[in-house]
Amino acid sequence: MTSRHAARTLTLALCGALLATGAAAPARAVAAGKPKGHDVSSHQGGVDWAKARADGAAFVYVKATESTDYRSPTFKKQYDGARAAGILRGAYHFAVPDRSSGATQAAYFVRNGGAWRADGRTLPPALDMEYNPYGSHKCYGLGKAAMVRWIRAFSDEVLRLTGRRPVLYTTANWWRLCTGDSTAFAADHALWIARHGTSGTGALPGGWNTWTFWQYATAGTLPGDQNRFNGSLAGLKRFARG
């Protein structure tokens, strides 16, 4: 995942404390057999969606917005292009919790691409929660309880506007540091866990006992970051329909 101004390499450097190191091959081996996908932002620019599908992409998450003043200039082309190629697609929002409330950012996100409909082709909206790329306060200057309230406000507004809870993208380390490993979301939010270069996801954060998406690598055949869905292709389609 990337913020609007950070190159992917910088984002990974900022998140380095989150991601375990090691060979990427075992991760791909463990994930083998599960539908594969990726996530993209403006850093990927134009994507050859027909090739991505031929290379095995079943789904993609496309960055739509950040805070309340940025909409990815490539969002519509990427989002529509994925659908035209027969790839399930969803939108994600890069959270900047010290800029405005969770509800305010959720409303901006939904207005600018983060909506959902039960058409079987649209994945539920996703919220990207990771280290602050804009300053020294890794948790955006929010205490743990305040961060939990921010995420809940975002989720409640997305639910009100779309009928779906957002998927939560994070890492175990960020979740522990910035929410105190809150268990407040495990019962009703799908987890998108990021852990690169390992043979598995490791211990899951916040009371989750399973993951829905796993971002396990950055480089691969597909553009952007590499992901797997924890289930079958039929299960992925059911998840999209809600």
Protein backbone atom coordinates (compact mmCIF):
# COMPACT_ATOMS: atom_id res chain seq x y z
CA MET A 1 0.00 0.00 0.00
CA THR A 2 1.19 3.53 -0.60
CA SER A 3 0.44 7.05 0.50
CA ARG A 4 -0.01 9.60 -2.23
CA HIS A 5 3.50 11.05 -2.08
CA ALA A 6 5.60 8.03 -1.12
CA ALA A 7 7.17 5.71 -3.65
CA ARG A 8 6.57 2.05 -2.98
CA THR A 9 10.15 1.54 -1.85
CA LEU A 10 9.79 4.31 0.72
CA THR A 11 6.54 2.88 2.00
CA LEU A 12 8.17 -0.48 2.47
CA ALA A 13 11.05 1.16 4.32
CA LEU A 14 8.62 2.88 6.66
CA CYS A 15 6.88 -0.41 7.21
CA GLY A 16 10.08 -2.40 7.54
CA ALA A 17 9.59 -2.90 11.25
CA LEU A 18 6.28 -4.55 10.44
CA LEU A 19 7.33 -7.07 7.88
CA ALA A 20 9.43 -10.10 8.61
CA THR A 21 12.33 -10.82 6.28
CA GLY A 22 13.16 -14.01 4.46
CA ALA A 23 12.74 -15.77 1.15
CA ALA A 24 9.52 -15.09 -0.71
CA ALA A 25 9.29 -18.56 -2.26
CA PRO A 26 7.87 -20.33 0.83
CA ALA A 27 5.10 -17.73 1.10
CA ARG A 28 4.02 -18.41 -2.45
CA ALA A 29 4.17 -22.14 -1.78
CA VAL A 30 1.94 -21.88 1.29
CA ALA A 31 -0.53 -19.68 -0.59
CA ALA A 32 -0.62 -21.94 -3.63
CA GLY A 33 -4.08 -23.03 -4.66
CA LYS A 34 -5.85 -19.99 -3.22
CA PRO A 35 -7.12 -17.33 -5.65
CA LYS A 36 -4.41 -14.78 -6.28
CA GLY A 37 -4.75 -11.05 -6.71
CA HIS A 38 -2.97 -7.78 -6.18
CA ASP A 39 -3.41 -4.18 -5.12
CA VAL A 40 -2.52 -1.11 -7.15
CA SER A 41 -2.39 2.67 -6.87
CA SER A 42 -1.32 5.53 -9.11
CA HIS A 43 2.26 4.22 -8.83
CA GLN A 44 1.30 1.40 -11.21
CA GLY A 45 -0.25 3.77 -13.76
CA GLY A 46 -1.74 1.94 -16.71
CA VAL A 47 -2.25 -1.77 -16.09
CA ASP A 48 -2.58 -4.44 -18.76
CA TRP A 49 -5.63 -6.09 -17.21
CA ALA A 50 -6.00 -8.77 -19.87
CA LYS A 51 -2.43 -9.88 -19.15
CA ALA A 52 -3.04 -9.72 -15.40
CA ARG A 53 -6.00 -12.03 -15.77
CA ALA A 54 -4.05 -14.34 -18.06
CA ASP A 55 -1.37 -14.45 -15.37
CA GLY A 56 -3.96 -15.63 -12.88
CA ALA A 57 -5.40 -12.52 -11.23
CA ALA A 58 -8.82 -13.22 -9.74
CA PHE A 59 -9.15 -9.95 -7.81
CA VAL A 60 -7.58 -6.56 -7.23
CA TYR A 61 -7.91 -3.74 -4.72
CA VAL A 62 -7.46 -0.28 -6.24
CA LYS A 63 -6.51 2.78 -4.23
CA ALA A 64 -9.29 5.35 -4.44
CA THR A 65 -8.65 8.01 -1.81
CA GLU A 66 -6.51 9.32 1.01
CA SER A 67 -7.60 11.63 3.83
CA THR A 68 -10.27 14.00 2.39
CA ASP A 69 -8.27 15.82 -0.26
CA TYR A 70 -6.87 13.15 -2.56
CA ARG A 71 -8.47 10.89 -5.16
CA SER A 72 -6.14 8.72 -7.18
CA PRO A 73 -5.95 10.10 -10.74
CA THR A 74 -5.75 6.54 -12.08
CA PHE A 75 -8.55 5.09 -9.97
CA LYS A 76 -11.38 5.08 -12.50
CA LYS A 77 -9.27 3.69 -15.33
CA GLN A 78 -7.79 0.98 -13.12
CA TYR A 79 -11.09 0.11 -11.44
CA ASP A 80 -13.13 -0.03 -14.64
CA GLY A 81 -10.35 -1.79 -16.52
CA ALA A 82 -10.23 -4.60 -13.99
CA ARG A 83 -13.96 -5.18 -14.26
CA ALA A 84 -13.85 -5.15 -18.06
CA ALA A 85 -11.22 -7.89 -17.92
CA GLY A 86 -13.39 -10.03 -15.65
CA ILE A 87 -11.39 -9.44 -12.48
CA LEU A 88 -13.24 -8.85 -9.20
CA ARG A 89 -12.27 -5.44 -7.89
CA GLY A 90 -12.66 -3.33 -4.79
CA ALA A 91 -11.51 0.09 -3.62
CA TYR A 92 -9.33 1.02 -0.66
CA HIS A 93 -8.79 4.17 1.37
CA PHE A 94 -5.42 5.18 2.87
CA ALA A 95 -6.24 6.44 6.35
CA VAL A 96 -4.66 9.62 7.72
CA PRO A 97 -6.34 9.76 11.14
CA ASP A 98 -4.78 13.02 12.32
CA ARG A 99 -6.34 15.00 9.44
CA SER A 100 -10.06 14.46 10.08
CA SER A 101 -12.53 12.10 11.72
CA GLY A 102 -13.11 8.53 10.67
CA ALA A 103 -16.67 9.31 9.61
CA THR A 104 -15.54 12.25 7.49
CA GLN A 105 -12.91 10.21 5.67
CA ALA A 106 -15.33 7.34 5.16
CA ALA A 107 -17.90 9.63 3.54
CA TYR A 108 -15.23 11.08 1.24
CA PHE A 109 -14.09 7.57 0.32
CA VAL A 110 -17.58 6.34 -0.54
CA ARG A 111 -18.30 9.45 -2.63
CA ASN A 112 -15.11 8.95 -4.60
CA GLY A 113 -15.07 5.28 -5.49
CA GLY A 114 -15.49 3.40 -2.23
CA ALA A 115 -19.09 2.35 -2.76
CA TRP A 116 -20.19 -1.29 -2.93
CA ARG A 117 -22.99 -3.15 -4.62
CA ALA A 118 -24.05 -6.78 -4.54
CA ASP A 119 -23.29 -7.46 -8.20
CA GLY A 120 -20.86 -10.31 -7.54
CA ARG A 121 -18.02 -8.32 -9.10
CA THR A 122 -17.39 -5.71 -6.39
CA LEU A 123 -15.38 -6.50 -3.27
CA PRO A 124 -16.31 -4.68 -0.07
CA PRO A 125 -14.48 -1.40 0.62
CA ALA A 126 -11.13 -1.66 2.40
CA LEU A 127 -9.40 0.57 4.96
CA ASP A 128 -5.60 0.75 4.87
CA MET A 129 -4.20 1.27 8.40
CA GLU A 130 -0.41 1.52 8.58
CA TYR A 131 2.45 3.63 9.91
CA ASN A 132 2.26 7.37 9.35
CA PRO A 133 4.39 8.25 6.29
CA TYR A 134 4.16 11.99 6.94
CA GLY A 135 5.74 12.43 10.35
CA SER A 136 7.48 10.89 13.31
CA HIS A 137 4.27 9.89 15.11
CA LYS A 138 3.80 6.33 13.86
CA CYS A 139 0.22 6.25 15.14
CA TYR A 140 -0.61 9.75 13.88
CA GLY A 141 -0.46 11.16 17.40
CA LEU A 142 -3.56 9.22 18.51
CA GLY A 143 -3.67 7.13 21.66
CA LYS A 144 -4.78 3.52 21.42
CA ALA A 145 -8.37 4.13 22.53
CA ALA A 146 -8.67 7.12 20.21
CA MET A 147 -7.41 5.05 17.28
CA VAL A 148 -9.97 2.34 17.99
CA ARG A 149 -12.70 4.99 18.04
CA TRP A 150 -11.42 6.45 14.75
CA ILE A 151 -11.52 3.06 13.02
CA ARG A 152 -14.97 2.31 14.43
CA ALA A 153 -16.31 5.67 13.23
CA PHE A 154 -14.95 4.99 9.75
CA SER A 155 -16.44 1.50 9.72
CA ASP A 156 -19.83 2.62 10.99
CA GLU A 157 -20.09 5.28 8.31
CA VAL A 158 -19.07 2.88 5.54
CA LEU A 159 -21.67 0.41 6.80
CA ARG A 160 -24.34 3.12 6.89
CA LEU A 161 -23.55 4.26 3.35
CA THR A 162 -22.87 0.93 1.62
CA GLY A 163 -24.34 -1.86 3.73
CA ARG A 164 -20.94 -3.54 4.20
CA ARG A 165 -18.26 -3.34 6.86
CA PRO A 166 -14.86 -2.46 5.42
CA VAL A 167 -12.07 -5.00 5.15
CA LEU A 168 -9.24 -3.92 7.48
CA TYR A 169 -5.71 -3.95 6.05
CA THR A 170 -2.94 -3.86 8.64
CA THR A 171 -0.01 -5.70 10.17
CA ALA A 172 0.23 -7.39 13.53
CA ASN A 173 2.89 -4.94 14.74
CA TRP A 174 1.00 -1.78 13.73
CA TRP A 175 -2.22 -3.09 15.25
CA ARG A 176 -0.47 -3.92 18.52
CA LEU A 177 1.34 -0.57 18.71
CA CYS A 178 -1.50 1.71 17.67
CA THR A 179 -4.66 -0.02 18.96
CA GLY A 180 -3.23 -2.00 21.87
CA ASP A 181 -4.12 -5.17 19.93
CA SER A 182 -7.81 -4.31 20.17
CA THR A 183 -10.22 -7.19 19.70
CA ALA A 184 -13.12 -4.85 18.92
CA PHE A 185 -13.22 -5.64 15.19
CA ALA A 186 -12.50 -9.36 14.88
CA ALA A 187 -16.13 -10.45 15.08
CA ASP A 188 -17.47 -8.35 12.21
CA HIS A 189 -14.54 -7.27 10.00
CA ALA A 190 -12.59 -9.27 7.45
CA LEU A 191 -8.82 -9.09 8.01
CA TRP A 192 -6.35 -8.26 5.25
CA ILE A 193 -3.02 -9.08 6.85
CA ALA A 194 0.31 -7.85 5.46
CA ARG A 195 3.38 -9.97 6.13
CA HIS A 196 6.02 -10.35 3.46
CA GLY A 197 8.72 -12.88 2.72
CA THR A 198 7.62 -15.60 5.12
CA SER A 199 6.01 -19.00 4.96
CA GLY A 200 2.86 -17.80 6.70
CA THR A 201 1.00 -14.86 8.16
CA GLY A 202 2.32 -15.41 11.68
CA ALA A 203 0.19 -14.67 14.72
CA LEU A 204 -2.86 -12.65 13.75
CA PRO A 205 -3.72 -9.42 15.55
CA GLY A 206 -6.66 -8.38 17.65
CA GLY A 207 -8.59 -11.58 18.26
CA TRP A 208 -8.84 -12.66 14.62
CA ASN A 209 -8.48 -16.40 14.25
CA THR A 210 -8.38 -16.36 10.46
CA TRP A 211 -7.44 -14.03 7.62
CA THR A 212 -9.45 -13.19 4.51
CA PHE A 213 -6.67 -11.65 2.39
CA TRP A 214 -2.93 -12.02 2.81
CA GLN A 215 -0.50 -9.58 1.21
CA TYR A 216 2.63 -11.71 1.11
CA ALA A 217 4.98 -10.02 -1.37
CA THR A 218 5.58 -6.93 -3.45
CA ALA A 219 7.21 -8.22 -6.62
CA GLY A 220 5.63 -10.83 -8.84
CA THR A 221 3.97 -11.54 -12.15
CA LEU A 222 1.04 -9.32 -11.27
CA PRO A 223 1.48 -5.55 -10.91
CA GLY A 224 1.65 -4.03 -7.43
CA ASP A 225 1.61 -6.05 -4.24
CA GLN A 226 0.82 -9.78 -4.27
CA ASN A 227 -2.16 -11.19 -2.38
CA ARG A 228 -4.13 -14.36 -1.82
CA PHE A 229 -7.73 -14.94 -0.80
CA ASN A 230 -8.22 -17.49 1.97
CA GLY A 231 -10.68 -19.74 0.22
CA SER A 232 -11.82 -20.93 -3.18
CA LEU A 233 -12.75 -18.87 -6.23
CA ALA A 234 -16.40 -19.65 -5.50
CA GLY A 235 -15.84 -18.42 -1.95
CA LEU A 236 -14.31 -15.22 -3.24
CA LYS A 237 -17.38 -14.60 -5.38
CA ARG A 238 -19.66 -15.27 -2.42
CA PHE A 239 -17.61 -12.83 -0.35
CA ALA A 240 -18.02 -10.20 -3.05
CA ARG A 241 -21.79 -10.66 -3.12
CA GLY A 242 -22.01 -10.37 0.65
